[in-house]
Amino acid sequence: IKSLSSNQNHHKKQEEMLKLLYDAMYGVLRSSFLNLESSGFTTATPFPHDQPHTLDSLSLIYENCALFSDLYLRYPDITESLYKKFKWADFTEVIKKSIQFCSERKEVFDSENEHGKLLNLAMQELQLIPKSPNFQNPYRKVRSHSKPEQKNVKKQKKKKLPRG
């Protein structure tokens, strides 16, 4: 994230780096969910202390969900641009599924800790839950669609004085 932030004036580089990250996240999240589903793990299943394969998949979902949440909050405009450009319907579904999954599991994403608060903000930004009245993403560029007010000041005509 620090590397992306240092390239603030290089929108194209940020976009390329985010695309690579999101492509990798998609693959990791998709395979991790397949592993969890094949092991019969659900959000109601107790934490799998004695199942290393399931624990690895669960950890990858947690890590990638937290990373996506942070990236999306910091780069919402670029992320949405990438969504539109590449029509990532599958990626969007996997992200929504992982965020929903993590919000139901309280081991890491408790609403009282930093990770839970991050997830809650990402859910608001993604419009998965209603935005709180004081929610504002400082990283989102403000788009003003209204035209500036035009002053209704009449210009006075100059009087022509006779020369002479």
C-alpha atoms as a PDB file:
ATOM      1  CA  ILE A   1       0.000   0.000   0.000  1.00  0.00           C
ATOM      2  CA  LYS A   2       2.909   2.318   0.723  1.00  0.00           C
ATOM      3  CA  SER A   3       4.244   1.655  -2.765  1.00  0.00           C
ATOM      4  CA  LEU A   4       0.894   2.547  -4.305  1.00  0.00           C
ATOM      5  CA  SER A   5       0.617   5.692  -2.198  1.00  0.00           C
ATOM      6  CA  SER A   6       4.044   6.895  -3.285  1.00  0.00           C
ATOM      7  CA  ASN A   7       2.833   6.851  -6.910  1.00  0.00           C
ATOM      8  CA  GLN A   8       0.062   9.385  -6.344  1.00  0.00           C
ATOM      9  CA  ASN A   9       0.909  11.338  -9.473  1.00  0.00           C
ATOM     10  CA  HIS A  10       1.114   8.191 -11.563  1.00  0.00           C
ATOM     11  CA  HIS A  11      -2.512   7.182 -11.968  1.00  0.00           C
ATOM     12  CA  LYS A  12      -1.692   4.697 -14.723  1.00  0.00           C
ATOM     13  CA  LYS A  13       0.863   2.872 -12.553  1.00  0.00           C
ATOM     14  CA  GLN A  14      -1.557   2.730  -9.651  1.00  0.00           C
ATOM     15  CA  GLU A  15      -4.208   1.292 -11.939  1.00  0.00           C
ATOM     16  CA  GLU A  16      -1.829  -1.366 -13.270  1.00  0.00           C
ATOM     17  CA  MET A  17      -0.665  -2.356  -9.781  1.00  0.00           C
ATOM     18  CA  LEU A  18      -4.226  -2.546  -8.464  1.00  0.00           C
ATOM     19  CA  LYS A  19      -5.295  -4.684 -11.420  1.00  0.00           C
ATOM     20  CA  LEU A  20      -2.471  -7.135 -10.704  1.00  0.00           C
ATOM     21  CA  LEU A  21      -3.377  -7.241  -7.014  1.00  0.00           C
ATOM     22  CA  TYR A  22      -7.076  -7.717  -7.682  1.00  0.00           C
ATOM     23  CA  ASP A  23      -6.419 -10.465 -10.230  1.00  0.00           C
ATOM     24  CA  ALA A  24      -4.268 -12.316  -7.674  1.00  0.00           C
ATOM     25  CA  MET A  25      -6.875 -11.763  -4.936  1.00  0.00           C
ATOM     26  CA  TYR A  26      -9.596 -13.175  -7.136  1.00  0.00           C
ATOM     27  CA  GLY A  27      -7.681 -16.406  -7.664  1.00  0.00           C
ATOM     28  CA  VAL A  28      -6.760 -16.779  -3.992  1.00  0.00           C
ATOM     29  CA  LEU A  29     -10.275 -16.034  -2.733  1.00  0.00           C
ATOM     30  CA  ARG A  30     -11.942 -18.287  -5.266  1.00  0.00           C
ATOM     31  CA  SER A  31      -9.709 -21.289  -4.507  1.00  0.00           C
ATOM     32  CA  SER A  32      -9.937 -20.656  -0.748  1.00  0.00           C
ATOM     33  CA  PHE A  33     -13.734 -20.697  -0.857  1.00  0.00           C
ATOM     34  CA  LEU A  34     -13.669 -23.896  -2.914  1.00  0.00           C
ATOM     35  CA  ASN A  35     -11.426 -25.468  -0.262  1.00  0.00           C
ATOM     36  CA  LEU A  36     -13.721 -24.363   2.559  1.00  0.00           C
ATOM     37  CA  GLU A  37     -16.817 -25.604   0.758  1.00  0.00           C
ATOM     38  CA  SER A  38     -15.239 -28.973  -0.005  1.00  0.00           C
ATOM     39  CA  SER A  39     -14.357 -29.404   3.685  1.00  0.00           C
ATOM     40  CA  GLY A  40     -17.924 -28.512   4.735  1.00  0.00           C
ATOM     41  CA  PHE A  41     -16.853 -25.347   6.534  1.00  0.00           C
ATOM     42  CA  THR A  42     -19.511 -22.629   6.955  1.00  0.00           C
ATOM     43  CA  THR A  43     -19.756 -19.389   8.881  1.00  0.00           C
ATOM     44  CA  ALA A  44     -21.412 -21.334  11.726  1.00  0.00           C
ATOM     45  CA  THR A  45     -18.536 -23.849  11.964  1.00  0.00           C
ATOM     46  CA  PRO A  46     -16.233 -23.413  14.989  1.00  0.00           C
ATOM     47  CA  PHE A  47     -12.721 -22.138  14.358  1.00  0.00           C
ATOM     48  CA  PRO A  48     -10.711 -25.029  12.798  1.00  0.00           C
ATOM     49  CA  HIS A  49      -7.721 -25.230  15.184  1.00  0.00           C
ATOM     50  CA  ASP A  50      -7.006 -28.850  14.246  1.00  0.00           C
ATOM     51  CA  GLN A  51      -7.530 -28.623  10.470  1.00  0.00           C
ATOM     52  CA  PRO A  52      -4.478 -26.967   8.877  1.00  0.00           C
ATOM     53  CA  HIS A  53      -5.806 -27.025   5.299  1.00  0.00           C
ATOM     54  CA  THR A  54      -9.074 -25.376   6.329  1.00  0.00           C
ATOM     55  CA  LEU A  55      -7.216 -22.952   8.594  1.00  0.00           C
ATOM     56  CA  ASP A  56      -4.964 -21.895   5.690  1.00  0.00           C
ATOM     57  CA  SER A  57      -7.963 -21.218   3.437  1.00  0.00           C
ATOM     58  CA  LEU A  58      -9.695 -19.287   6.197  1.00  0.00           C
ATOM     59  CA  SER A  59      -6.565 -17.203   6.829  1.00  0.00           C
ATOM     60  CA  LEU A  60      -6.217 -16.394   3.137  1.00  0.00           C
ATOM     61  CA  ILE A  61      -9.819 -15.205   2.991  1.00  0.00           C
ATOM     62  CA  TYR A  62      -9.322 -13.014   6.068  1.00  0.00           C
ATOM     63  CA  GLU A  63      -6.062 -11.531   4.763  1.00  0.00           C
ATOM     64  CA  ASN A  64      -7.321 -10.846   1.253  1.00  0.00           C
ATOM     65  CA  CYS A  65     -10.595  -9.410   2.499  1.00  0.00           C
ATOM     66  CA  ALA A  66      -8.717  -7.014   4.802  1.00  0.00           C
ATOM     67  CA  LEU A  67      -6.322  -6.051   2.001  1.00  0.00           C
ATOM     68  CA  PHE A  68      -9.147  -5.472  -0.467  1.00  0.00           C
ATOM     69  CA  SER A  69     -11.049  -3.383   2.094  1.00  0.00           C
ATOM     70  CA  ASP A  70      -8.015  -1.189   2.669  1.00  0.00           C
ATOM     71  CA  LEU A  71      -7.253  -0.810  -1.039  1.00  0.00           C
ATOM     72  CA  TYR A  72     -10.861  -0.088  -1.950  1.00  0.00           C
ATOM     73  CA  LEU A  73     -11.162   2.575   0.732  1.00  0.00           C
ATOM     74  CA  ARG A  74      -7.910   4.223  -0.400  1.00  0.00           C
ATOM     75  CA  TYR A  75      -8.502   3.895  -4.155  1.00  0.00           C
ATOM     76  CA  PRO A  76     -12.274   3.806  -4.715  1.00  0.00           C
ATOM     77  CA  ASP A  77     -12.220   5.735  -7.971  1.00  0.00           C
ATOM     78  CA  ILE A  78      -9.509   3.592  -9.579  1.00  0.00           C
ATOM     79  CA  THR A  79     -11.156   0.386  -8.342  1.00  0.00           C
ATOM     80  CA  GLU A  80     -14.532   1.368  -9.759  1.00  0.00           C
ATOM     81  CA  SER A  81     -12.861   2.352 -13.013  1.00  0.00           C
ATOM     82  CA  LEU A  82     -11.294  -1.114 -13.194  1.00  0.00           C
ATOM     83  CA  TYR A  83     -14.676  -2.746 -12.460  1.00  0.00           C
ATOM     84  CA  LYS A  84     -16.230  -0.929 -15.388  1.00  0.00           C
ATOM     85  CA  LYS A  85     -13.270  -1.404 -17.698  1.00  0.00           C
ATOM     86  CA  PHE A  86     -12.892  -5.160 -17.182  1.00  0.00           C
ATOM     87  CA  LYS A  87     -16.489  -6.041 -16.272  1.00  0.00           C
ATOM     88  CA  TRP A  88     -15.463  -7.984 -13.192  1.00  0.00           C
ATOM     89  CA  ALA A  89     -18.810  -9.516 -12.289  1.00  0.00           C
ATOM     90  CA  ASP A  90     -17.166 -12.694 -10.951  1.00  0.00           C
ATOM     91  CA  PHE A  91     -14.619 -10.707  -8.945  1.00  0.00           C
ATOM     92  CA  THR A  92     -17.359  -8.540  -7.472  1.00  0.00           C
ATOM     93  CA  GLU A  93     -19.316 -11.614  -6.386  1.00  0.00           C
ATOM     94  CA  VAL A  94     -16.247 -13.206  -4.777  1.00  0.00           C
ATOM     95  CA  ILE A  95     -15.425  -9.957  -2.959  1.00  0.00           C
ATOM     96  CA  LYS A  96     -18.990  -9.565  -1.703  1.00  0.00           C
ATOM     97  CA  LYS A  97     -18.998 -13.183  -0.592  1.00  0.00           C
ATOM     98  CA  SER A  98     -15.707 -12.785   1.288  1.00  0.00           C
ATOM     99  CA  ILE A  99     -16.804  -9.552   2.964  1.00  0.00           C
ATOM    100  CA  GLN A 100     -20.100 -11.112   4.011  1.00  0.00           C
ATOM    101  CA  PHE A 101     -18.274 -14.210   5.233  1.00  0.00           C
ATOM    102  CA  CYS A 102     -15.777 -12.169   7.266  1.00  0.00           C
ATOM    103  CA  SER A 103     -18.477  -9.948   8.733  1.00  0.00           C
ATOM    104  CA  GLU A 104     -20.240 -13.056  10.072  1.00  0.00           C
ATOM    105  CA  ARG A 105     -17.045 -14.478  11.598  1.00  0.00           C
ATOM    106  CA  LYS A 106     -16.005 -12.544  14.694  1.00  0.00           C
ATOM    107  CA  GLU A 107     -12.516 -14.037  15.356  1.00  0.00           C
ATOM    108  CA  VAL A 108     -10.789 -11.267  13.408  1.00  0.00           C
ATOM    109  CA  PHE A 109     -13.436  -8.804  12.257  1.00  0.00           C
ATOM    110  CA  ASP A 110     -15.087  -7.857  15.545  1.00  0.00           C
ATOM    111  CA  SER A 111     -16.808  -4.470  15.319  1.00  0.00           C
ATOM    112  CA  GLU A 112     -14.763  -3.258  18.302  1.00  0.00           C
ATOM    113  CA  ASN A 113     -11.323  -3.782  16.734  1.00  0.00           C
ATOM    114  CA  GLU A 114      -9.481  -2.073  13.903  1.00  0.00           C
ATOM    115  CA  HIS A 115     -10.143  -4.869  11.394  1.00  0.00           C
ATOM    116  CA  GLY A 116     -13.862  -4.880  12.087  1.00  0.00           C
ATOM    117  CA  LYS A 117     -14.043  -1.114  11.703  1.00  0.00           C
ATOM    118  CA  LEU A 118     -12.139  -1.326   8.403  1.00  0.00           C
ATOM    119  CA  LEU A 119     -14.532  -3.976   7.139  1.00  0.00           C
ATOM    120  CA  ASN A 120     -17.531  -1.898   8.211  1.00  0.00           C
ATOM    121  CA  LEU A 121     -16.212   1.150   6.331  1.00  0.00           C
ATOM    122  CA  ALA A 122     -15.591  -0.949   3.213  1.00  0.00           C
ATOM    123  CA  MET A 123     -19.112  -2.354   3.421  1.00  0.00           C
ATOM    124  CA  GLN A 124     -20.483   1.183   3.580  1.00  0.00           C
ATOM    125  CA  GLU A 125     -18.335   2.313   0.645  1.00  0.00           C
ATOM    126  CA  LEU A 126     -19.448  -0.723  -1.384  1.00  0.00           C
ATOM    127  CA  GLN A 127     -23.056   0.026  -0.382  1.00  0.00           C
ATOM    128  CA  LEU A 128     -23.488  -3.442   1.117  1.00  0.00           C
ATOM    129  CA  ILE A 129     -24.882  -1.784   4.225  1.00  0.00           C
ATOM    130  CA  PRO A 130     -26.443   1.668   4.643  1.00  0.00           C
ATOM    131  CA  LYS A 131     -23.956   4.483   5.087  1.00  0.00           C
ATOM    132  CA  SER A 132     -23.876   6.090   8.485  1.00  0.00           C
ATOM    133  CA  PRO A 133     -24.768   9.804   8.437  1.00  0.00           C
ATOM    134  CA  ASN A 134     -21.188  10.837   9.173  1.00  0.00           C
ATOM    135  CA  PHE A 135     -19.557   8.450   6.660  1.00  0.00           C
ATOM    136  CA  GLN A 136     -17.233  10.135   4.221  1.00  0.00           C
ATOM    137  CA  ASN A 137     -14.335   8.535   2.401  1.00  0.00           C
ATOM    138  CA  PRO A 138     -11.519  11.099   2.381  1.00  0.00           C
ATOM    139  CA  TYR A 139      -9.825   9.278  -0.498  1.00  0.00           C
ATOM    140  CA  ARG A 140     -12.775   9.564  -2.859  1.00  0.00           C
ATOM    141  CA  LYS A 141     -12.460  12.425  -5.285  1.00  0.00           C
ATOM    142  CA  VAL A 142     -15.317  14.852  -4.906  1.00  0.00           C
ATOM    143  CA  ARG A 143     -17.282  15.052  -8.098  1.00  0.00           C
ATOM    144  CA  SER A 144     -19.335  18.135  -8.572  1.00  0.00           C
ATOM    145  CA  HIS A 145     -21.956  17.680 -11.243  1.00  0.00           C
ATOM    146  CA  SER A 146     -23.575  21.042 -10.661  1.00  0.00           C
ATOM    147  CA  LYS A 147     -22.459  24.055 -12.581  1.00  0.00           C
ATOM    148  CA  PRO A 148     -21.141  27.003 -10.643  1.00  0.00           C
ATOM    149  CA  GLU A 149     -23.689  29.668  -9.984  1.00  0.00           C
ATOM    150  CA  GLN A 150     -23.751  32.399 -12.566  1.00  0.00           C
ATOM    151  CA  LYS A 151     -24.113  35.858 -11.297  1.00  0.00           C
ATOM    152  CA  ASN A 152     -27.019  37.791 -12.672  1.00  0.00           C
ATOM    153  CA  VAL A 153     -25.135  41.016 -12.845  1.00  0.00           C
ATOM    154  CA  LYS A 154     -26.049  43.233 -15.741  1.00  0.00           C
ATOM    155  CA  LYS A 155     -23.154  44.871 -17.411  1.00  0.00           C
ATOM    156  CA  GLN A 156     -23.532  48.589 -17.721  1.00  0.00           C
ATOM    157  CA  LYS A 157     -23.233  49.942 -21.198  1.00  0.00           C
ATOM    158  CA  LYS A 158     -20.613  52.575 -21.698  1.00  0.00           C
ATOM    159  CA  LYS A 159     -21.967  55.869 -22.745  1.00  0.00           C
ATOM    160  CA  LYS A 160     -20.432  57.264 -25.870  1.00  0.00           C
ATOM    161  CA  LEU A 161     -19.324  60.751 -25.310  1.00  0.00           C
ATOM    162  CA  PRO A 162     -18.933  63.042 -28.245  1.00  0.00           C
ATOM    163  CA  ARG A 163     -15.349  63.726 -29.102  1.00  0.00           C
ATOM    164  CA  GLY A 164     -14.199  67.093 -29.611  1.00  0.00           C
END
